[in-house]
Amino acid sequence: MKDISVSIQSTNNPTILKFVHNTSITNGSYEYNNIDEAKNSQLAQQLFYLPFVKKIFVSANFVAIERYDIIEWNDVQEEVREQIESYLKNGEPIISSDVKSSKKVAIEIYAESTPNPSVMKFVSNKMLVSQTFEFKNIDEAKGAPLAIELFKLSFVKEVFISENYVSVTKFDIAEWSDIAHEVRSFIREYITEGNIIISEKFIQKETKQAILTPENLDDTSKQIISILDEYVRPAVASDGGNIQFESYDEDTKTVNVILQGACSGCPSSTMTLKSGIENMLKEMIPNKIDTVIAING
């Protein structure tokens, strides 16, 4: 048996968990929405027999699984980790070689407006990444080929990539009515050709830097993170953005958050923070929260 180990890594989406292994198992990325689509992957087929598995994404060094709401990951994640690790140690093929050359999966991209008039959300019918990435300029996008290519378009100001969509912030010199079709077509062609979205080395680097160590956080901070993950993040994601916990000051009862994507610089973000997030945290964590501040929005 091969010396292979699999570790568990959470994502910004509480229904998606990554099972990261210390070896490269495939040269490409594959997404499966059901067992019929997984004909070229015995591992994916086995995982779909688990009743809570909704979607599977196989990449070079991890398997990401989206679950149905019938269970919580804490109840089953170790079982899944052991199953994947056992499969890899047995040396069985992850992707059948005779199916690799099959025709490309049809990629669809559709554009969605967001509350931020400067930002358009371009949604894919396949998973692109398993975590969020924000790039304010082309220099920050080293290791993110898709973002680099988008920045070459003169009207692109910022790029935000998360799960199955790309949010693009434009400069004021352009109107979405004139450029949306161009951006949509470009992203669709880029993904269809199988080009790299984010390099694995860059993902690993960003993941290490972004990990919060729960044991170093106070109880209130843990509660805040839990509430943001469960009640706030899904809503802002649907608008093409993201919210991240930055810090909590017990003395001033102040919560600092980072707004990304369409939420960053959005005219309605201040109202959302005050009338929505701030009030929610005050109600759910009584006497602990006075103010919520977006440190970049």
Protein backbone atom coordinates (compact mmCIF):
# COMPACT_ATOMS: atom_id res chain seq x y z
CA MET A 1 0.00 0.00 0.00
CA LYS A 2 1.24 3.51 -0.82
CA ASP A 3 2.25 5.94 1.92
CA ILE A 4 -0.70 8.27 1.40
CA SER A 5 -2.56 10.34 3.96
CA VAL A 6 -5.75 12.36 3.64
CA SER A 7 -6.58 15.37 5.78
CA ILE A 8 -9.83 17.28 6.20
CA GLN A 9 -10.05 20.95 5.27
CA SER A 10 -13.10 23.18 5.67
CA THR A 11 -14.19 25.71 3.05
CA ASN A 12 -16.15 28.95 3.13
CA ASN A 13 -19.24 26.94 2.22
CA PRO A 14 -20.34 24.87 5.25
CA THR A 15 -21.85 22.19 2.99
CA ILE A 16 -18.55 21.62 1.13
CA LEU A 17 -15.57 19.85 2.66
CA LYS A 18 -12.16 19.23 1.07
CA PHE A 19 -10.28 15.98 1.55
CA VAL A 20 -6.67 16.87 0.80
CA HIS A 21 -4.08 14.20 0.02
CA ASN A 22 -0.29 14.37 -0.12
CA THR A 23 0.03 13.14 -3.68
CA SER A 24 -1.14 14.21 -7.12
CA ILE A 25 -3.93 11.95 -8.39
CA THR A 26 -4.96 13.53 -11.68
CA ASN A 27 -3.79 16.11 -14.20
CA GLY A 28 -7.15 17.81 -14.59
CA SER A 29 -10.24 18.76 -12.64
CA TYR A 30 -13.53 16.87 -12.79
CA GLU A 31 -16.95 17.68 -11.43
CA TYR A 32 -19.79 15.20 -10.94
CA ASN A 33 -23.39 16.07 -10.09
CA ASN A 34 -24.58 12.46 -9.84
CA ILE A 35 -23.39 8.86 -10.17
CA ASP A 36 -24.25 8.70 -13.88
CA GLU A 37 -21.82 11.51 -14.64
CA ALA A 38 -19.09 9.67 -12.69
CA LYS A 39 -18.65 6.78 -15.14
CA ASN A 40 -14.97 7.58 -15.56
CA SER A 41 -14.23 7.66 -11.80
CA GLN A 42 -14.69 4.60 -9.61
CA LEU A 43 -13.86 6.66 -6.52
CA ALA A 44 -16.59 9.19 -7.27
CA GLN A 45 -19.07 6.38 -7.92
CA GLN A 46 -18.28 4.84 -4.53
CA LEU A 47 -18.74 8.19 -2.79
CA PHE A 48 -22.12 8.76 -4.46
CA TYR A 49 -23.40 5.62 -2.73
CA LEU A 50 -23.23 7.64 0.48
CA PRO A 51 -26.77 9.07 0.76
CA PHE A 52 -25.66 12.54 1.84
CA VAL A 53 -23.29 13.18 -1.11
CA LYS A 54 -24.72 15.81 -3.47
CA LYS A 55 -21.76 16.80 -5.67
CA ILE A 56 -18.11 15.75 -6.07
CA PHE A 57 -15.17 17.76 -7.42
CA VAL A 58 -11.89 15.90 -8.09
CA SER A 59 -8.68 17.89 -8.53
CA ALA A 60 -4.95 17.17 -8.48
CA ASN A 61 -4.49 17.00 -4.72
CA PHE A 62 -7.96 17.04 -3.21
CA VAL A 63 -11.50 15.76 -3.45
CA ALA A 64 -14.19 18.29 -2.56
CA ILE A 65 -17.63 16.98 -1.61
CA GLU A 66 -20.85 18.92 -1.25
CA ARG A 67 -23.38 17.33 1.12
CA TYR A 68 -27.15 17.44 1.40
CA ASP A 69 -28.58 19.04 4.53
CA ILE A 70 -29.75 15.71 5.97
CA ILE A 71 -26.53 15.43 7.99
CA GLU A 72 -23.72 17.57 9.42
CA TRP A 73 -20.13 17.04 8.33
CA ASN A 74 -18.99 16.44 11.91
CA ASP A 75 -21.05 13.24 11.96
CA VAL A 76 -19.58 11.66 8.81
CA GLN A 77 -16.37 13.43 7.76
CA GLU A 78 -14.02 10.90 9.36
CA GLU A 79 -15.82 8.03 7.65
CA VAL A 80 -15.45 9.76 4.28
CA ARG A 81 -11.80 10.61 4.94
CA GLU A 82 -11.00 6.98 5.72
CA GLN A 83 -12.82 5.76 2.61
CA ILE A 84 -10.89 8.13 0.32
CA GLU A 85 -7.58 7.36 2.00
CA SER A 86 -8.14 3.61 1.72
CA TYR A 87 -9.00 3.93 -1.97
CA LEU A 88 -5.87 5.98 -2.72
CA LYS A 89 -3.60 3.61 -0.78
CA ASN A 90 -4.84 0.69 -2.86
CA GLY A 91 -3.48 2.42 -5.96
CA GLU A 92 -6.73 2.23 -7.92
CA PRO A 93 -7.09 4.69 -10.84
CA ILE A 94 -8.95 7.91 -9.99
CA ILE A 95 -9.92 8.75 -13.56
CA SER A 96 -10.22 5.98 -16.15
CA SER A 97 -7.72 6.58 -18.94
CA ASP A 98 -10.09 5.41 -21.66
CA VAL A 99 -12.57 8.14 -20.75
CA LYS A 100 -10.16 11.04 -20.31
CA SER A 101 -10.21 11.83 -23.99
CA SER A 102 -14.00 11.99 -24.15
CA LYS A 103 -15.61 15.18 -25.46
CA LYS A 104 -15.52 18.29 -23.34
CA VAL A 105 -18.35 18.99 -20.95
CA ALA A 106 -20.53 21.82 -22.23
CA ILE A 107 -19.84 24.92 -20.17
CA GLU A 108 -22.53 27.52 -19.65
CA ILE A 109 -21.89 30.99 -18.25
CA TYR A 110 -24.66 33.42 -17.47
CA ALA A 111 -24.40 36.99 -16.22
CA GLU A 112 -26.17 38.27 -13.11
CA SER A 113 -26.38 41.87 -11.97
CA THR A 114 -25.49 42.62 -8.34
CA PRO A 115 -26.48 45.36 -5.86
CA ASN A 116 -23.17 46.99 -6.76
CA PRO A 117 -23.59 48.68 -10.17
CA SER A 118 -19.86 48.37 -10.84
CA VAL A 119 -19.88 44.58 -10.41
CA MET A 120 -21.30 41.82 -12.60
CA LYS A 121 -21.43 38.18 -11.50
CA PHE A 122 -20.66 35.50 -14.11
CA VAL A 123 -21.98 32.11 -12.99
CA SER A 124 -20.75 28.75 -14.33
CA ASN A 125 -22.58 25.43 -14.41
CA LYS A 126 -19.43 23.74 -13.03
CA MET A 127 -17.41 24.24 -9.90
CA LEU A 128 -14.38 26.45 -10.49
CA VAL A 129 -12.70 26.60 -7.07
CA SER A 130 -13.50 25.43 -3.55
CA GLN A 131 -12.65 28.67 -1.76
CA THR A 132 -12.67 32.41 -2.43
CA PHE A 133 -9.97 34.55 -4.04
CA GLU A 134 -9.95 38.33 -4.41
CA PHE A 135 -7.57 40.27 -6.67
CA LYS A 136 -7.42 44.06 -6.59
CA ASN A 137 -4.93 44.27 -9.45
CA ILE A 138 -2.89 42.13 -11.82
CA ASP A 139 0.11 42.02 -9.47
CA GLU A 140 -2.00 40.26 -6.82
CA ALA A 141 -3.16 37.72 -9.41
CA LYS A 142 0.13 35.86 -9.80
CA GLY A 143 -0.82 32.20 -9.65
CA ALA A 144 -4.35 32.91 -10.90
CA PRO A 145 -4.23 32.66 -14.72
CA LEU A 146 -7.93 33.42 -15.26
CA ALA A 147 -7.69 36.63 -13.23
CA ILE A 148 -4.53 37.67 -15.08
CA GLU A 149 -6.26 37.27 -18.44
CA LEU A 150 -9.29 39.24 -17.24
CA PHE A 151 -7.07 42.09 -16.06
CA LYS A 152 -5.75 42.37 -19.61
CA LEU A 153 -9.19 43.71 -20.55
CA SER A 154 -8.79 47.49 -20.14
CA PHE A 155 -12.06 47.99 -18.29
CA VAL A 156 -11.50 45.33 -15.59
CA LYS A 157 -10.66 46.85 -12.20
CA GLU A 158 -10.96 43.90 -9.77
CA VAL A 159 -11.66 40.14 -9.95
CA PHE A 160 -13.27 37.91 -7.33
CA ILE A 161 -13.47 34.12 -7.86
CA SER A 162 -15.57 31.84 -5.64
CA GLU A 163 -16.88 28.30 -6.15
CA ASN A 164 -18.88 28.48 -9.38
CA TYR A 165 -18.77 32.17 -10.27
CA VAL A 166 -16.51 35.10 -11.10
CA SER A 167 -17.40 38.63 -10.01
CA VAL A 168 -15.81 41.34 -12.11
CA THR A 169 -15.55 44.98 -11.04
CA LYS A 170 -15.31 47.46 -13.91
CA PHE A 171 -13.86 50.94 -14.17
CA ASP A 172 -16.43 53.72 -14.55
CA ILE A 173 -15.33 54.40 -18.13
CA ALA A 174 -17.29 51.36 -19.33
CA GLU A 175 -20.95 50.32 -19.11
CA TRP A 176 -22.00 46.73 -18.49
CA SER A 177 -24.46 46.94 -21.37
CA ASP A 178 -21.46 47.33 -23.68
CA ILE A 179 -19.01 44.84 -22.16
CA ALA A 180 -20.99 42.10 -20.34
CA HIS A 181 -21.29 39.89 -23.42
CA GLU A 182 -17.53 40.15 -24.10
CA VAL A 183 -16.64 39.15 -20.53
CA ARG A 184 -19.17 36.32 -20.48
CA SER A 185 -17.88 34.88 -23.78
CA PHE A 186 -14.27 35.19 -22.67
CA ILE A 187 -14.83 33.34 -19.37
CA ARG A 188 -16.86 30.61 -21.09
CA GLU A 189 -14.18 30.00 -23.73
CA TYR A 190 -11.40 30.05 -21.12
CA ILE A 191 -13.10 27.40 -18.96
CA THR A 192 -14.23 25.28 -21.92
CA GLU A 193 -10.63 24.97 -23.11
CA GLY A 194 -9.68 23.51 -19.74
CA ASN A 195 -7.34 26.31 -18.75
CA ILE A 196 -6.17 26.64 -15.15
CA ILE A 197 -8.34 28.86 -12.94
CA ILE A 198 -6.03 29.03 -9.90
CA SER A 199 -2.72 27.18 -9.66
CA GLU A 200 -2.45 24.49 -6.98
CA LYS A 201 0.67 26.13 -5.50
CA PHE A 202 -1.20 29.43 -5.13
CA ILE A 203 -4.19 27.68 -3.52
CA GLN A 204 -1.96 25.99 -0.97
CA LYS A 205 -0.21 29.27 -0.17
CA GLU A 206 -3.46 31.20 0.28
CA THR A 207 -5.02 28.42 2.35
CA LYS A 208 -2.12 28.45 4.82
CA GLN A 209 -2.35 32.22 5.18
CA ALA A 210 -6.14 32.28 5.57
CA ILE A 211 -6.53 29.59 8.21
CA LEU A 212 -7.86 30.91 11.52
CA THR A 213 -6.84 28.82 14.49
CA PRO A 214 -10.03 28.35 16.54
CA GLU A 215 -8.09 27.53 19.68
CA ASN A 216 -6.65 31.06 19.66
CA LEU A 217 -10.05 32.75 19.37
CA ASP A 218 -12.30 33.75 22.24
CA ASP A 219 -15.81 32.33 22.53
CA THR A 220 -17.48 35.47 21.19
CA SER A 221 -15.30 35.46 18.07
CA LYS A 222 -16.21 31.83 17.47
CA GLN A 223 -19.91 32.70 17.78
CA ILE A 224 -19.53 35.59 15.35
CA ILE A 225 -17.80 33.39 12.77
CA SER A 226 -20.51 30.74 13.12
CA ILE A 227 -23.30 33.28 12.60
CA LEU A 228 -21.58 34.88 9.60
CA ASP A 229 -21.02 31.46 8.01
CA GLU A 230 -24.58 30.24 8.54
CA TYR A 231 -26.72 33.33 8.06
CA VAL A 232 -24.75 36.00 6.20
CA ARG A 233 -22.27 34.41 3.80
CA PRO A 234 -24.87 32.51 1.70
CA ALA A 235 -26.81 35.75 1.17
CA VAL A 236 -23.82 37.86 0.13
CA ALA A 237 -22.54 35.02 -2.07
CA SER A 238 -25.79 35.11 -4.03
CA ASP A 239 -25.01 38.77 -4.74
CA GLY A 240 -21.52 37.96 -5.98
CA GLY A 241 -19.60 38.82 -2.83
CA ASN A 242 -18.17 37.46 0.38
CA ILE A 243 -17.72 38.47 4.01
CA GLN A 244 -14.85 37.39 6.24
CA PHE A 245 -14.37 37.80 9.98
CA GLU A 246 -11.27 39.87 10.74
CA SER A 247 -11.32 40.59 14.48
CA TYR A 248 -13.37 41.28 17.60
CA ASP A 249 -12.49 43.83 20.30
CA GLU A 250 -14.06 42.86 23.61
CA ASP A 251 -13.40 46.29 25.19
CA THR A 252 -15.13 48.33 22.48
CA LYS A 253 -17.51 45.52 21.48
CA THR A 254 -16.50 46.11 17.86
CA VAL A 255 -16.50 43.52 15.09
CA ASN A 256 -14.26 44.09 12.07
CA VAL A 257 -15.14 42.28 8.84
CA ILE A 258 -13.72 42.21 5.33
CA LEU A 259 -16.08 42.63 2.39
CA GLN A 260 -15.04 41.09 -0.93
CA GLY A 261 -16.30 40.90 -4.48
CA ALA A 262 -19.52 42.78 -5.19
CA CYS A 263 -19.84 43.71 -1.50
CA SER A 264 -16.61 45.72 -1.48
CA GLY A 265 -17.39 49.34 -2.27
CA CYS A 266 -21.08 48.59 -2.80
CA PRO A 267 -23.28 51.66 -2.13
CA SER A 268 -25.67 49.54 -0.07
CA SER A 269 -22.98 47.80 2.00
CA THR A 270 -23.14 50.33 4.86
CA MET A 271 -26.89 49.86 5.17
CA THR A 272 -26.46 46.07 5.03
CA LEU A 273 -23.87 46.18 7.81
CA LYS A 274 -25.92 48.43 10.09
CA SER A 275 -29.49 47.27 9.53
CA GLY A 276 -28.68 43.65 8.81
CA ILE A 277 -25.47 42.13 10.12
CA GLU A 278 -24.98 44.44 13.10
CA ASN A 279 -28.55 44.01 14.35
CA MET A 280 -28.38 40.24 13.86
CA LEU A 281 -25.20 39.92 15.89
CA LYS A 282 -26.61 42.16 18.64
CA GLU A 283 -29.70 39.97 18.92
CA MET A 284 -27.93 36.62 18.73
CA ILE A 285 -25.02 37.60 21.01
CA PRO A 286 -26.65 39.95 23.58
CA ASN A 287 -24.52 42.60 25.30
CA LYS A 288 -21.39 41.64 23.35
CA ILE A 289 -21.71 43.66 20.12
CA ASP A 290 -22.05 47.41 19.64
CA THR A 291 -20.63 48.05 16.18
CA VAL A 292 -19.74 46.18 13.00
CA ILE A 293 -17.15 47.83 10.77
CA ALA A 294 -16.07 46.88 7.27
CA ILE A 295 -12.37 47.66 7.21
CA ASN A 296 -12.24 47.75 3.42
CA GLY A 297 -15.77 48.62 2.37
